[in-house]
Amino acid sequence: MTTPETSRSAQREIKAPAERVWDLLATPDEHHRFDGSDMVGESLTPGKLTRVGDVFTMEMLYVSPEVTDRYRTDNHVTVLDAPRCVEWAVAPAGKELLGWTWRYELEPLGPSLTLVTLTNDWSGTPERVMRRFGVPLVSEAQLAVSLELLAAAVESF
């Protein structure tokens, strides 16, 4: 018997100090620059994340052969440990949490090298929500692309 998959992760070394990577991750206005799924749009919440409990709203776009859907998400910060880890739980704007999270963990490997781990975890997502939204929505390859884009964005930030 196999254990069902409940999360996906990707890792990448980024040639920048953890604080510089953190500055980008803690700024929702920049998140569209490092989205490997092509779903994340503009932030409707200006400024930086400052504490657990912050909520930032994002414009989103879902495209499949059957449907194109524009919507908004409220992202509830559940972990904020600068410059080591940020995590948020996702909800449709104004609605209840869906049960999945996005997490970035930063491990300094030197003064200008950081190991970044990106994890999408849906272990708290009810089966009915998984079916409705097609969870998991993002592949490991898309997570890896997100980290490639993050590396490029950090260099120009």
Protein backbone atom coordinates (compact mmCIF):
# COMPACT_ATOMS: atom_id res chain seq x y z
CA MET A 1 0.00 0.00 0.00
CA THR A 2 1.35 3.44 -0.91
CA THR A 3 0.82 6.62 1.02
CA PRO A 4 -1.07 9.24 -0.99
CA GLU A 5 0.92 12.26 -2.06
CA THR A 6 -0.01 15.36 -0.04
CA SER A 7 2.76 17.78 -0.99
CA ARG A 8 5.30 18.62 -3.66
CA SER A 9 8.59 20.44 -3.27
CA ALA A 10 11.48 21.78 -5.29
CA GLN A 11 14.85 23.16 -4.20
CA ARG A 12 17.36 25.51 -5.78
CA GLU A 13 20.49 27.34 -4.76
CA ILE A 14 20.18 31.06 -5.44
CA LYS A 15 23.27 33.23 -5.69
CA ALA A 16 22.14 35.89 -3.24
CA PRO A 17 22.06 36.42 0.52
CA ALA A 18 18.97 35.03 2.28
CA GLU A 19 17.92 38.57 3.25
CA ARG A 20 17.75 39.61 -0.41
CA VAL A 21 15.67 36.56 -1.36
CA TRP A 22 13.48 37.21 1.68
CA ASP A 23 12.80 40.81 0.61
CA LEU A 24 11.29 39.54 -2.63
CA LEU A 25 9.25 36.76 -0.99
CA ALA A 26 7.86 39.16 1.64
CA THR A 27 6.60 41.54 -1.07
CA PRO A 28 3.36 40.22 -2.64
CA ASP A 29 3.62 42.88 -5.38
CA GLU A 30 6.56 40.83 -6.72
CA HIS A 31 5.04 37.33 -6.56
CA HIS A 32 3.86 37.32 -10.19
CA ARG A 33 7.51 37.59 -11.25
CA PHE A 34 8.37 34.12 -9.94
CA ASP A 35 5.25 32.08 -10.68
CA GLY A 36 5.98 28.96 -12.73
CA SER A 37 2.27 28.09 -13.06
CA ASP A 38 1.28 31.27 -14.96
CA MET A 39 -1.66 31.66 -12.58
CA VAL A 40 -0.47 34.46 -10.25
CA GLY A 41 -1.33 38.01 -11.27
CA GLU A 42 -1.00 41.36 -9.58
CA SER A 43 -1.25 41.89 -5.85
CA LEU A 44 -4.10 44.00 -4.54
CA THR A 45 -2.32 44.41 -1.20
CA PRO A 46 0.53 46.92 -1.22
CA GLY A 47 3.55 46.70 1.05
CA LYS A 48 5.47 43.93 2.72
CA LEU A 49 4.33 41.06 4.87
CA THR A 50 5.07 41.95 8.49
CA ARG A 51 3.49 39.32 10.74
CA VAL A 52 1.61 36.05 11.01
CA GLY A 53 -2.03 36.86 10.36
CA ASP A 54 -1.37 39.26 7.48
CA VAL A 55 -3.66 38.63 4.53
CA PHE A 56 -2.71 39.58 0.99
CA THR A 57 -5.06 39.40 -1.97
CA MET A 58 -3.91 38.33 -5.42
CA GLU A 59 -5.44 38.44 -8.89
CA MET A 60 -5.35 34.92 -10.34
CA LEU A 61 -5.93 33.24 -13.70
CA TYR A 62 -6.75 29.58 -14.30
CA VAL A 63 -6.65 28.32 -17.89
CA SER A 64 -7.50 24.81 -19.05
CA PRO A 65 -8.79 23.47 -22.37
CA GLU A 66 -12.32 23.71 -20.96
CA VAL A 67 -12.28 27.00 -19.06
CA THR A 68 -10.55 30.30 -18.45
CA ASP A 69 -11.29 31.72 -15.01
CA ARG A 70 -10.17 34.99 -13.44
CA TYR A 71 -10.54 35.13 -9.68
CA ARG A 72 -8.94 36.48 -6.49
CA THR A 73 -7.38 34.71 -3.56
CA ASP A 74 -6.89 35.82 0.03
CA ASN A 75 -3.60 34.43 1.29
CA HIS A 76 -3.35 34.13 5.07
CA VAL A 77 0.22 34.25 6.42
CA THR A 78 0.70 31.30 8.77
CA VAL A 79 4.50 31.42 9.19
CA LEU A 80 6.71 34.52 8.99
CA ASP A 81 10.23 33.94 10.26
CA ALA A 82 12.48 36.47 8.53
CA PRO A 83 14.70 35.63 6.69
CA ARG A 84 14.13 31.88 7.05
CA CYS A 85 10.54 30.91 6.22
CA VAL A 86 7.26 32.30 4.91
CA GLU A 87 4.08 30.28 4.45
CA TRP A 88 0.51 31.17 3.57
CA ALA A 89 -2.81 29.35 3.36
CA VAL A 90 -5.08 30.02 0.39
CA ALA A 91 -8.77 30.95 0.26
CA PRO A 92 -10.99 32.31 -2.48
CA ALA A 93 -11.34 36.04 -1.72
CA GLY A 94 -13.71 36.55 1.19
CA LYS A 95 -14.25 32.81 1.74
CA GLU A 96 -12.92 29.97 3.88
CA LEU A 97 -9.47 28.44 3.57
CA LEU A 98 -9.16 25.66 1.00
CA GLY A 99 -6.69 23.54 2.99
CA TRP A 100 -3.49 24.07 1.02
CA THR A 101 -0.40 26.12 1.73
CA TRP A 102 2.61 27.55 -0.06
CA ARG A 103 5.89 27.58 1.87
CA TYR A 104 9.32 29.02 1.09
CA GLU A 105 12.20 27.96 3.33
CA LEU A 106 15.56 29.70 3.06
CA GLU A 107 18.83 28.19 4.27
CA PRO A 108 21.91 30.42 4.02
CA LEU A 109 24.82 28.44 2.56
CA GLY A 110 27.24 31.36 2.67
CA PRO A 111 27.24 35.15 2.55
CA SER A 112 25.79 35.21 -0.97
CA LEU A 113 24.29 31.76 -1.51
CA THR A 114 20.88 30.55 -0.29
CA LEU A 115 19.16 27.18 -0.63
CA VAL A 116 15.45 27.81 -1.24
CA THR A 117 12.83 25.09 -0.83
CA LEU A 118 9.35 25.71 -2.22
CA THR A 119 6.57 23.42 -1.01
CA ASN A 120 2.92 23.19 -1.97
CA ASP A 121 1.12 21.17 0.73
CA TRP A 122 -2.49 20.10 0.38
CA SER A 123 -2.62 17.68 3.33
CA GLY A 124 -5.38 19.77 4.93
CA THR A 125 -7.56 19.87 1.83
CA PRO A 126 -10.86 17.96 2.01
CA GLU A 127 -11.47 15.46 -0.79
CA ARG A 128 -14.45 17.40 -2.15
CA VAL A 129 -12.29 20.56 -2.45
CA MET A 130 -9.51 18.55 -4.13
CA ARG A 131 -11.97 17.29 -6.74
CA ARG A 132 -13.54 20.72 -7.27
CA PHE A 133 -10.22 22.51 -7.82
CA GLY A 134 -8.19 19.67 -9.32
CA VAL A 135 -5.65 19.61 -6.50
CA PRO A 136 -2.74 19.39 -6.84
CA LEU A 137 -2.73 22.23 -9.35
CA VAL A 138 1.04 22.59 -9.73
CA SER A 139 3.61 20.01 -10.80
CA GLU A 140 7.13 19.60 -9.40
CA ALA A 141 8.41 20.93 -12.74
CA GLN A 142 6.34 24.10 -12.28
CA LEU A 143 7.71 24.49 -8.74
CA ALA A 144 11.23 24.21 -10.18
CA VAL A 145 10.40 26.86 -12.79
CA SER A 146 9.13 29.11 -9.99
CA LEU A 147 12.51 28.82 -8.28
CA GLU A 148 14.34 29.55 -11.55
CA LEU A 149 12.20 32.66 -11.97
CA LEU A 150 12.81 33.60 -8.32
CA ALA A 151 16.57 33.40 -8.91
CA ALA A 152 16.27 35.67 -11.96
CA ALA A 153 13.98 38.10 -10.10
CA VAL A 154 16.36 38.30 -7.12
CA GLU A 155 19.18 39.31 -9.44
CA SER A 156 17.14 42.25 -10.77
CA PHE A 157 15.38 43.22 -7.51
